[in-house]
Amino acid sequence: MTNTEKIANAKKRIHELERLIKCWNDSDHDEAKVVNFTMNIENKVA
């Protein structure tokens, strides 16, 4: 994995965490919500 790919993956994770934190902060004031996160599942063979 190149450094560019690592940075891109890290940015995706940061964005997902920021969305999750915002959802948690909003849930303190609202009823429970369902958040749809896209998830990439990679099949790797060892």
N, C-alpha and C. Protein backbone atom coordinates (compact mmCIF):
# COMPACT_ATOMS: atom_id res chain seq x y z
N MET A 1 0.85 -1.18 0.00
CA MET A 1 0.00 0.00 0.00
C MET A 1 0.90 1.24 0.00
N THR A 2 0.63 2.14 -0.90
CA THR A 2 1.45 3.36 -1.00
C THR A 2 1.04 4.37 0.06
N ASN A 3 1.90 5.36 0.25
CA ASN A 3 1.60 6.41 1.22
C ASN A 3 0.34 7.17 0.83
N THR A 4 0.12 7.36 -0.46
CA THR A 4 -1.08 8.06 -0.93
C THR A 4 -2.33 7.29 -0.55
N GLU A 5 -2.29 5.98 -0.71
CA GLU A 5 -3.44 5.14 -0.35
C GLU A 5 -3.67 5.17 1.16
N LYS A 6 -2.61 5.13 1.93
CA LYS A 6 -2.73 5.18 3.39
C LYS A 6 -3.38 6.49 3.83
N ILE A 7 -2.95 7.59 3.22
CA ILE A 7 -3.52 8.90 3.57
C ILE A 7 -4.99 8.96 3.19
N ALA A 8 -5.34 8.43 2.00
CA ALA A 8 -6.74 8.44 1.57
C ALA A 8 -7.59 7.62 2.53
N ASN A 9 -7.11 6.45 2.95
CA ASN A 9 -7.86 5.62 3.89
C ASN A 9 -8.00 6.30 5.24
N ALA A 10 -6.95 6.97 5.70
CA ALA A 10 -7.02 7.68 6.97
C ALA A 10 -8.04 8.80 6.92
N LYS A 11 -8.09 9.53 5.80
CA LYS A 11 -9.06 10.61 5.65
C LYS A 11 -10.48 10.07 5.67
N LYS A 12 -10.71 8.90 5.05
CA LYS A 12 -12.04 8.28 5.08
C LYS A 12 -12.43 7.93 6.51
N ARG A 13 -11.51 7.35 7.27
CA ARG A 13 -11.80 6.97 8.66
C ARG A 13 -12.08 8.20 9.51
N ILE A 14 -11.30 9.27 9.31
CA ILE A 14 -11.52 10.50 10.06
C ILE A 14 -12.91 11.05 9.77
N HIS A 15 -13.30 11.04 8.49
CA HIS A 15 -14.62 11.54 8.11
C HIS A 15 -15.72 10.70 8.77
N GLU A 16 -15.54 9.37 8.76
CA GLU A 16 -16.54 8.49 9.39
C GLU A 16 -16.63 8.76 10.89
N LEU A 17 -15.49 8.95 11.54
CA LEU A 17 -15.49 9.23 12.98
C LEU A 17 -16.14 10.58 13.28
N GLU A 18 -15.88 11.58 12.45
CA GLU A 18 -16.51 12.89 12.66
C GLU A 18 -18.02 12.78 12.53
N ARG A 19 -18.51 12.00 11.56
CA ARG A 19 -19.95 11.80 11.41
C ARG A 19 -20.53 11.09 12.62
N LEU A 20 -19.80 10.10 13.13
CA LEU A 20 -20.26 9.35 14.29
C LEU A 20 -20.31 10.24 15.53
N ILE A 21 -19.28 11.05 15.72
CA ILE A 21 -19.26 11.98 16.86
C ILE A 21 -20.42 12.96 16.77
N LYS A 22 -20.67 13.49 15.57
CA LYS A 22 -21.79 14.41 15.38
C LYS A 22 -23.11 13.72 15.71
N CYS A 23 -23.25 12.48 15.28
CA CYS A 23 -24.47 11.72 15.56
C CYS A 23 -24.64 11.54 17.06
N TRP A 24 -23.55 11.20 17.76
CA TRP A 24 -23.62 11.02 19.21
C TRP A 24 -24.01 12.33 19.89
N ASN A 25 -23.41 13.44 19.44
CA ASN A 25 -23.73 14.74 20.04
C ASN A 25 -25.19 15.10 19.80
N ASP A 26 -25.69 14.83 18.59
CA ASP A 26 -27.08 15.12 18.27
C ASP A 26 -28.04 14.21 19.04
N SER A 27 -27.61 12.97 19.30
CA SER A 27 -28.50 12.03 19.98
C SER A 27 -28.72 12.42 21.45
N ASP A 28 -27.85 13.25 21.99
CA ASP A 28 -28.05 13.74 23.35
C ASP A 28 -29.31 14.59 23.44
N HIS A 29 -29.70 15.18 22.29
CA HIS A 29 -30.84 16.08 22.27
C HIS A 29 -32.06 15.48 21.59
N ASP A 30 -31.85 14.50 20.75
CA ASP A 30 -32.94 13.91 19.98
C ASP A 30 -33.15 12.45 20.37
N GLU A 31 -34.20 11.87 19.79
CA GLU A 31 -34.41 10.45 19.97
C GLU A 31 -33.37 9.69 19.15
N ALA A 32 -33.29 8.40 19.37
CA ALA A 32 -32.31 7.58 18.65
C ALA A 32 -32.53 7.67 17.15
N LYS A 33 -31.43 7.71 16.43
CA LYS A 33 -31.48 7.81 14.98
C LYS A 33 -30.76 6.61 14.37
N VAL A 34 -31.08 6.32 13.12
CA VAL A 34 -30.36 5.30 12.38
C VAL A 34 -29.48 6.03 11.38
N VAL A 35 -28.19 5.72 11.43
CA VAL A 35 -27.25 6.36 10.53
C VAL A 35 -26.76 5.31 9.55
N ASN A 36 -26.84 5.64 8.26
CA ASN A 36 -26.37 4.72 7.23
C ASN A 36 -24.93 5.05 6.86
N PHE A 37 -24.02 4.17 7.25
CA PHE A 37 -22.63 4.31 6.87
C PHE A 37 -22.34 3.32 5.76
N THR A 38 -21.68 3.80 4.73
CA THR A 38 -21.26 2.88 3.68
C THR A 38 -20.05 2.13 4.20
N MET A 39 -19.98 0.87 3.89
CA MET A 39 -18.88 0.06 4.38
C MET A 39 -18.30 -0.73 3.22
N ASN A 40 -17.01 -0.64 3.07
CA ASN A 40 -16.32 -1.41 2.05
C ASN A 40 -15.72 -2.64 2.70
N ILE A 41 -16.10 -3.80 2.20
CA ILE A 41 -15.58 -5.05 2.71
C ILE A 41 -14.70 -5.65 1.64
N GLU A 42 -13.45 -5.86 2.00
CA GLU A 42 -12.51 -6.44 1.06
C GLU A 42 -12.28 -7.90 1.42
N ASN A 43 -12.37 -8.75 0.43
CA ASN A 43 -12.07 -10.16 0.64
C ASN A 43 -10.60 -10.39 0.32
N LYS A 44 -9.87 -10.79 1.33
CA LYS A 44 -8.44 -11.04 1.14
C LYS A 44 -8.15 -12.49 1.53
N VAL A 45 -7.30 -13.09 0.75
CA VAL A 45 -6.90 -14.48 1.01
C VAL A 45 -5.47 -14.46 1.51
N ALA A 46 -5.26 -15.12 2.65
CA ALA A 46 -3.90 -15.14 3.22
C ALA A 46 -3.01 -16.10 2.46
